[in-house]
Amino acid sequence: MHTFFPRGVCSEKIEFEIEKNTIRKLKFTHGCDGNLKGISSLVEGMPINKVITCLKGIRCSGKPTSCPDQLAKALEKVK
């Protein structure tokens, strides 16, 4: 299990498991509950490179980052 502490967003922690370059489990702590559960459901089973490509650079409410962008950054660190 990998743990990442995002910055500049509502979510306080991102936990995920990677198996054979694929996301197996993903959990956000705090943040927009429904949206983050939706993101988790969509990306579980996806290759990490695909997730990074899809989510990197997404912004939230005028901020320079977002929870999806922070997930992409977390995945880049473990890649």
Protein backbone atom coordinates (compact mmCIF):
# COMPACT_ATOMS: atom_id res chain seq x y z
CA MET A 1 0.00 0.00 0.00
CA HIS A 2 1.34 3.42 -0.99
CA THR A 3 0.38 6.55 0.96
CA PHE A 4 0.55 10.09 -0.44
CA PHE A 5 -0.31 13.34 1.36
CA PRO A 6 -1.66 15.79 -1.25
CA ARG A 7 -1.11 19.54 -1.09
CA GLY A 8 -3.44 22.38 -2.00
CA VAL A 9 -6.63 20.29 -2.07
CA CYS A 10 -9.39 19.20 0.32
CA SER A 11 -8.30 15.57 0.40
CA GLU A 12 -5.79 14.86 3.17
CA LYS A 13 -4.50 11.43 2.14
CA ILE A 14 -4.45 9.14 -0.89
CA GLU A 15 -3.81 5.42 -0.41
CA PHE A 16 -3.41 3.00 -3.28
CA GLU A 17 -2.12 -0.41 -4.25
CA ILE A 18 -0.40 -1.17 -7.54
CA GLU A 19 -0.08 -4.64 -8.98
CA LYS A 20 1.62 -5.26 -12.32
CA ASN A 21 1.53 -1.54 -13.17
CA THR A 22 -2.24 -1.42 -12.54
CA ILE A 23 -4.16 0.32 -9.76
CA ARG A 24 -5.88 -2.32 -7.63
CA LYS A 25 -7.22 -0.25 -4.74
CA LEU A 26 -7.59 3.50 -4.29
CA LYS A 27 -8.91 5.46 -1.32
CA PHE A 28 -9.03 9.20 -0.65
CA THR A 29 -9.42 10.54 2.90
CA HIS A 30 -11.66 13.62 3.12
CA GLY A 31 -12.51 15.82 0.15
CA CYS A 32 -15.60 15.63 -2.07
CA ASP A 33 -16.76 12.16 -1.06
CA GLY A 34 -18.96 11.27 -4.03
CA ASN A 35 -16.55 12.59 -6.64
CA LEU A 36 -13.55 10.87 -5.09
CA LYS A 37 -15.40 7.56 -4.75
CA GLY A 38 -16.33 7.92 -8.42
CA ILE A 39 -12.72 8.54 -9.43
CA SER A 40 -11.62 5.54 -7.36
CA SER A 41 -14.19 3.31 -9.01
CA LEU A 42 -13.22 4.47 -12.50
CA VAL A 43 -9.45 4.11 -12.18
CA GLU A 44 -9.25 0.82 -10.28
CA GLY A 45 -8.08 -1.74 -12.82
CA MET A 46 -6.48 0.88 -15.09
CA PRO A 47 -2.77 1.02 -15.93
CA ILE A 48 -1.05 3.78 -13.99
CA ASN A 49 0.27 5.47 -17.15
CA LYS A 50 -3.30 5.82 -18.48
CA VAL A 51 -4.48 7.31 -15.17
CA ILE A 52 -1.59 9.81 -15.15
CA THR A 53 -2.35 10.86 -18.73
CA CYS A 54 -6.06 11.33 -18.00
CA LEU A 55 -5.78 13.18 -14.68
CA LYS A 56 -2.56 15.19 -14.78
CA GLY A 57 -3.11 18.95 -14.94
CA ILE A 58 -6.78 19.00 -13.89
CA ARG A 59 -7.52 22.08 -11.78
CA CYS A 60 -10.20 22.67 -9.14
CA SER A 61 -11.96 25.98 -8.47
CA GLY A 62 -9.14 28.18 -9.73
CA LYS A 63 -6.47 26.27 -7.78
CA PRO A 64 -3.34 25.17 -9.64
CA THR A 65 -4.13 21.52 -8.77
CA SER A 66 -6.97 19.14 -7.84
CA CYS A 67 -7.43 15.77 -6.15
CA PRO A 68 -7.19 13.97 -9.53
CA ASP A 69 -4.01 15.93 -10.36
CA GLN A 70 -2.57 15.04 -6.95
CA LEU A 71 -3.32 11.36 -7.65
CA ALA A 72 -1.41 11.66 -10.94
CA LYS A 73 1.54 13.18 -9.07
CA ALA A 74 1.45 10.37 -6.49
CA LEU A 75 1.49 7.76 -9.25
CA GLU A 76 4.40 9.49 -10.98
CA LYS A 77 6.40 9.23 -7.75
CA VAL A 78 5.96 5.47 -7.46
CA LYS A 79 6.36 4.78 -11.18
